[in-house]
Amino acid sequence: MGLLLSTYPETPANFLVDDQAATFWLVGEGRVKATLEFTLKESAKFDCAELQEEITRGQRIEEFAIEAWNGQNWFRVFKGTIIVDIKGSSLFLKFSQAR
């Protein structure tokens, strides 16, 4: 599946998909907001997104959202505040509302 990436030109978005552990993408210096747009070659279903932060530079991400295009509008899929690694013997998954 091919991806095209677009972002501010001063930040190398291709580092996100180059399969090199030593490269990474950062929000441009002096900026507090940025966007990345991934355009798939064709519509696809997915139920998982993995985000990682280059933590050796300190925690920089304070809030983020994942949105999807349904052919007419962008809609929010997920909103978070920090990206963390989770390690433990068990996890608790809480559903705030269901039907």
N, C-alpha and C. Protein backbone atom coordinates (compact mmCIF):
# COMPACT_ATOMS: atom_id res chain seq x y z
N MET A 1 0.85 -1.17 0.00
CA MET A 1 0.00 0.00 0.00
C MET A 1 0.90 1.23 0.00
N GLY A 2 0.71 2.10 -0.93
CA GLY A 2 1.54 3.29 -1.02
C GLY A 2 0.98 4.44 -0.20
N LEU A 3 1.86 5.29 0.29
CA LEU A 3 1.48 6.47 1.06
C LEU A 3 2.11 7.70 0.42
N LEU A 4 1.40 8.78 0.43
CA LEU A 4 1.96 10.07 0.11
C LEU A 4 1.84 10.91 1.36
N LEU A 5 2.87 11.65 1.69
CA LEU A 5 2.85 12.44 2.91
C LEU A 5 2.96 13.91 2.57
N SER A 6 2.26 14.72 3.30
CA SER A 6 2.42 16.16 3.12
C SER A 6 2.46 16.82 4.49
N THR A 7 3.31 17.81 4.62
CA THR A 7 3.46 18.55 5.86
C THR A 7 4.21 19.83 5.54
N TYR A 8 4.65 20.53 6.54
CA TYR A 8 5.46 21.72 6.29
C TYR A 8 6.74 21.30 5.58
N PRO A 9 7.19 22.05 4.59
CA PRO A 9 8.36 21.64 3.80
C PRO A 9 9.66 21.55 4.59
N GLU A 10 9.78 22.26 5.72
CA GLU A 10 11.04 22.23 6.47
C GLU A 10 11.18 20.99 7.35
N THR A 11 10.16 20.17 7.44
CA THR A 11 10.26 18.94 8.23
C THR A 11 10.15 17.74 7.29
N PRO A 12 11.13 16.86 7.29
CA PRO A 12 11.17 15.73 6.34
C PRO A 12 10.18 14.62 6.67
N ALA A 13 8.99 14.71 6.16
CA ALA A 13 7.94 13.73 6.46
C ALA A 13 8.29 12.33 5.97
N ASN A 14 9.15 12.22 4.97
CA ASN A 14 9.53 10.89 4.47
C ASN A 14 10.25 10.07 5.54
N PHE A 15 10.76 10.70 6.59
CA PHE A 15 11.39 9.97 7.69
C PHE A 15 10.40 9.06 8.41
N LEU A 16 9.11 9.31 8.28
CA LEU A 16 8.11 8.47 8.94
C LEU A 16 8.02 7.08 8.34
N VAL A 17 8.38 6.94 7.09
CA VAL A 17 8.19 5.65 6.40
C VAL A 17 9.47 5.12 5.76
N ASP A 18 10.63 5.56 6.23
CA ASP A 18 11.87 5.13 5.59
C ASP A 18 12.49 3.88 6.21
N ASP A 19 11.81 3.30 7.22
CA ASP A 19 12.28 2.07 7.89
C ASP A 19 13.66 2.21 8.53
N GLN A 20 14.03 3.42 8.90
CA GLN A 20 15.31 3.65 9.56
C GLN A 20 15.05 4.06 11.00
N ALA A 21 15.56 3.30 11.96
CA ALA A 21 15.33 3.60 13.37
C ALA A 21 15.96 4.93 13.79
N ALA A 22 16.99 5.36 13.10
CA ALA A 22 17.70 6.58 13.48
C ALA A 22 17.06 7.86 12.95
N THR A 23 16.04 7.75 12.10
CA THR A 23 15.39 8.95 11.57
C THR A 23 14.00 9.10 12.16
N PHE A 24 13.53 10.33 12.25
CA PHE A 24 12.23 10.61 12.83
C PHE A 24 11.74 11.97 12.33
N TRP A 25 10.45 12.21 12.52
CA TRP A 25 9.84 13.48 12.13
C TRP A 25 9.53 14.27 13.39
N LEU A 26 9.79 15.57 13.37
CA LEU A 26 9.45 16.44 14.49
C LEU A 26 8.63 17.62 13.99
N VAL A 27 7.80 18.16 14.85
CA VAL A 27 7.13 19.42 14.54
C VAL A 27 8.23 20.45 14.36
N GLY A 28 8.10 21.31 13.35
CA GLY A 28 9.13 22.30 13.06
C GLY A 28 9.50 23.14 14.27
N GLU A 29 10.77 23.49 14.36
CA GLU A 29 11.28 24.29 15.47
C GLU A 29 10.49 25.59 15.61
N GLY A 30 10.07 25.90 16.81
CA GLY A 30 9.31 27.12 17.07
C GLY A 30 7.81 27.00 16.78
N ARG A 31 7.37 25.85 16.31
CA ARG A 31 5.94 25.65 16.02
C ARG A 31 5.29 24.90 17.17
N VAL A 32 4.01 25.16 17.37
CA VAL A 32 3.26 24.42 18.38
C VAL A 32 2.18 23.56 17.75
N LYS A 33 1.94 23.73 16.45
CA LYS A 33 0.95 22.94 15.73
C LYS A 33 1.55 22.45 14.42
N ALA A 34 1.12 21.29 13.99
CA ALA A 34 1.56 20.74 12.70
C ALA A 34 0.53 19.72 12.25
N THR A 35 0.55 19.41 10.99
CA THR A 35 -0.33 18.37 10.47
C THR A 35 0.45 17.45 9.55
N LEU A 36 0.02 16.23 9.50
CA LEU A 36 0.51 15.24 8.55
C LEU A 36 -0.71 14.65 7.87
N GLU A 37 -0.65 14.50 6.58
CA GLU A 37 -1.77 13.88 5.86
C GLU A 37 -1.24 12.68 5.10
N PHE A 38 -1.83 11.54 5.37
CA PHE A 38 -1.49 10.30 4.71
C PHE A 38 -2.57 10.02 3.68
N THR A 39 -2.21 9.91 2.43
CA THR A 39 -3.18 9.63 1.39
C THR A 39 -2.94 8.22 0.86
N LEU A 40 -3.90 7.35 1.05
CA LEU A 40 -3.79 5.98 0.58
C LEU A 40 -4.14 5.90 -0.90
N LYS A 41 -3.56 4.94 -1.59
CA LYS A 41 -3.86 4.77 -3.02
C LYS A 41 -5.32 4.39 -3.24
N GLU A 42 -5.89 3.69 -2.27
CA GLU A 42 -7.30 3.32 -2.35
C GLU A 42 -7.86 3.25 -0.94
N SER A 43 -9.16 3.32 -0.81
CA SER A 43 -9.80 3.26 0.49
C SER A 43 -9.48 1.94 1.17
N ALA A 44 -9.23 1.99 2.47
CA ALA A 44 -8.87 0.79 3.22
C ALA A 44 -9.46 0.86 4.62
N LYS A 45 -9.75 -0.30 5.19
CA LYS A 45 -10.20 -0.37 6.58
C LYS A 45 -8.99 -0.60 7.46
N PHE A 46 -8.99 0.05 8.62
CA PHE A 46 -7.95 -0.23 9.60
C PHE A 46 -8.53 -0.01 10.98
N ASP A 47 -8.00 -0.73 11.95
CA ASP A 47 -8.50 -0.63 13.32
C ASP A 47 -7.39 -0.38 14.32
N CYS A 48 -6.23 0.04 13.82
CA CYS A 48 -5.09 0.23 14.70
C CYS A 48 -4.19 1.32 14.13
N ALA A 49 -3.70 2.19 14.97
CA ALA A 49 -2.70 3.19 14.58
C ALA A 49 -1.66 3.23 15.67
N GLU A 50 -0.40 3.17 15.30
CA GLU A 50 0.67 3.19 16.29
C GLU A 50 1.44 4.49 16.16
N LEU A 51 1.54 5.21 17.26
CA LEU A 51 2.29 6.46 17.31
C LEU A 51 3.43 6.28 18.30
N GLN A 52 4.60 6.76 17.94
CA GLN A 52 5.74 6.74 18.84
C GLN A 52 6.38 8.12 18.83
N GLU A 53 6.96 8.50 19.96
CA GLU A 53 7.61 9.79 20.07
C GLU A 53 9.10 9.60 20.30
N GLU A 54 9.92 10.42 19.66
CA GLU A 54 11.37 10.39 19.86
C GLU A 54 11.64 11.00 21.24
N ILE A 55 11.56 10.17 22.27
CA ILE A 55 11.55 10.63 23.65
C ILE A 55 12.91 11.14 24.11
N THR A 56 14.00 10.81 23.41
CA THR A 56 15.31 11.34 23.81
C THR A 56 15.37 12.85 23.65
N ARG A 57 14.44 13.42 22.92
CA ARG A 57 14.36 14.88 22.78
C ARG A 57 13.37 15.47 23.78
N GLY A 58 12.89 14.64 24.70
CA GLY A 58 11.91 15.10 25.69
C GLY A 58 10.50 14.92 25.16
N GLN A 59 9.54 14.98 26.06
CA GLN A 59 8.14 14.89 25.63
C GLN A 59 7.78 16.21 24.96
N ARG A 60 7.42 16.15 23.69
CA ARG A 60 7.08 17.35 22.93
C ARG A 60 5.61 17.39 22.57
N ILE A 61 4.99 16.22 22.39
CA ILE A 61 3.58 16.17 22.01
C ILE A 61 2.73 16.30 23.27
N GLU A 62 1.85 17.28 23.28
CA GLU A 62 0.98 17.50 24.42
C GLU A 62 -0.47 17.17 24.12
N GLU A 63 -0.84 17.20 22.85
CA GLU A 63 -2.20 16.85 22.45
C GLU A 63 -2.17 16.52 20.96
N PHE A 64 -2.95 15.52 20.56
CA PHE A 64 -3.00 15.14 19.15
C PHE A 64 -4.36 14.55 18.83
N ALA A 65 -4.67 14.46 17.56
CA ALA A 65 -5.93 13.84 17.11
C ALA A 65 -5.65 13.08 15.83
N ILE A 66 -6.40 12.02 15.63
CA ILE A 66 -6.38 11.27 14.38
C ILE A 66 -7.74 11.46 13.73
N GLU A 67 -7.75 11.88 12.47
CA GLU A 67 -8.99 12.10 11.73
C GLU A 67 -8.95 11.30 10.44
N ALA A 68 -10.12 10.96 9.94
CA ALA A 68 -10.24 10.19 8.69
C ALA A 68 -11.17 10.93 7.74
N TRP A 69 -10.93 10.78 6.45
CA TRP A 69 -11.74 11.39 5.41
C TRP A 69 -12.72 10.34 4.90
N ASN A 70 -14.02 10.65 4.93
CA ASN A 70 -15.02 9.69 4.49
C ASN A 70 -15.52 9.96 3.07
N GLY A 71 -14.82 10.80 2.35
CA GLY A 71 -15.22 11.14 0.99
C GLY A 71 -15.90 12.49 0.90
N GLN A 72 -16.36 13.00 2.04
CA GLN A 72 -17.02 14.31 2.09
C GLN A 72 -16.50 15.19 3.22
N ASN A 73 -16.18 14.58 4.34
CA ASN A 73 -15.77 15.35 5.53
C ASN A 73 -14.67 14.62 6.29
N TRP A 74 -13.90 15.40 7.05
CA TRP A 74 -12.98 14.82 8.02
C TRP A 74 -13.77 14.55 9.30
N PHE A 75 -13.55 13.41 9.94
CA PHE A 75 -14.19 13.13 11.22
C PHE A 75 -13.15 12.58 12.19
N ARG A 76 -13.29 12.96 13.45
CA ARG A 76 -12.32 12.57 14.47
C ARG A 76 -12.49 11.10 14.81
N VAL A 77 -11.39 10.39 14.80
CA VAL A 77 -11.35 8.97 15.16
C VAL A 77 -10.84 8.81 16.58
N PHE A 78 -9.88 9.64 16.95
CA PHE A 78 -9.26 9.53 18.26
C PHE A 78 -8.63 10.86 18.65
N LYS A 79 -8.66 11.16 19.94
CA LYS A 79 -7.98 12.33 20.47
C LYS A 79 -7.22 11.90 21.70
N GLY A 80 -5.96 12.30 21.82
CA GLY A 80 -5.15 11.93 22.96
C GLY A 80 -4.32 13.09 23.46
N THR A 81 -3.69 12.89 24.60
CA THR A 81 -2.89 13.96 25.18
C THR A 81 -1.41 13.66 25.20
N ILE A 82 -1.01 12.42 25.39
CA ILE A 82 0.40 12.08 25.36
C ILE A 82 0.57 10.72 24.69
N ILE A 83 1.77 10.46 24.23
CA ILE A 83 2.11 9.16 23.65
C ILE A 83 3.02 8.48 24.65
N VAL A 84 2.63 7.30 25.09
CA VAL A 84 3.42 6.60 26.11
C VAL A 84 3.63 5.15 25.71
N ASP A 85 4.71 4.59 26.21
CA ASP A 85 4.91 3.14 26.13
C ASP A 85 4.23 2.56 27.36
N ILE A 86 3.54 1.47 27.18
CA ILE A 86 2.83 0.84 28.30
C ILE A 86 3.50 -0.50 28.59
N LYS A 87 3.84 -0.72 29.83
CA LYS A 87 4.42 -2.00 30.25
C LYS A 87 3.74 -2.40 31.55
N GLY A 88 3.27 -3.61 31.61
CA GLY A 88 2.63 -4.07 32.84
C GLY A 88 2.16 -5.50 32.68
N SER A 89 1.67 -6.06 33.76
CA SER A 89 1.21 -7.44 33.72
C SER A 89 -0.25 -7.54 33.31
N SER A 90 -0.97 -6.43 33.39
CA SER A 90 -2.35 -6.42 32.91
C SER A 90 -2.73 -4.98 32.57
N LEU A 91 -3.73 -4.86 31.73
CA LEU A 91 -4.21 -3.55 31.31
C LEU A 91 -5.69 -3.45 31.59
N PHE A 92 -6.18 -2.26 31.82
CA PHE A 92 -7.58 -2.00 32.09
C PHE A 92 -8.11 -1.16 30.94
N LEU A 93 -9.10 -1.65 30.25
CA LEU A 93 -9.72 -0.95 29.13
C LEU A 93 -11.09 -0.48 29.59
N LYS A 94 -11.32 0.81 29.57
CA LYS A 94 -12.57 1.38 30.08
C LYS A 94 -13.37 1.95 28.93
N PHE A 95 -14.62 1.50 28.78
CA PHE A 95 -15.55 2.03 27.79
C PHE A 95 -16.47 2.99 28.51
N SER A 96 -16.41 4.27 28.16
CA SER A 96 -17.22 5.27 28.84
C SER A 96 -18.67 5.24 28.44
N GLN A 97 -18.93 4.75 27.22
CA GLN A 97 -20.31 4.66 26.74
C GLN A 97 -20.38 3.57 25.68
N ALA A 98 -21.41 2.79 25.72
CA ALA A 98 -21.58 1.71 24.74
C ALA A 98 -23.06 1.49 24.52
N ARG A 99 -23.41 0.70 23.50
CA ARG A 99 -24.82 0.34 23.26
C ARG A 99 -24.90 -1.05 22.71
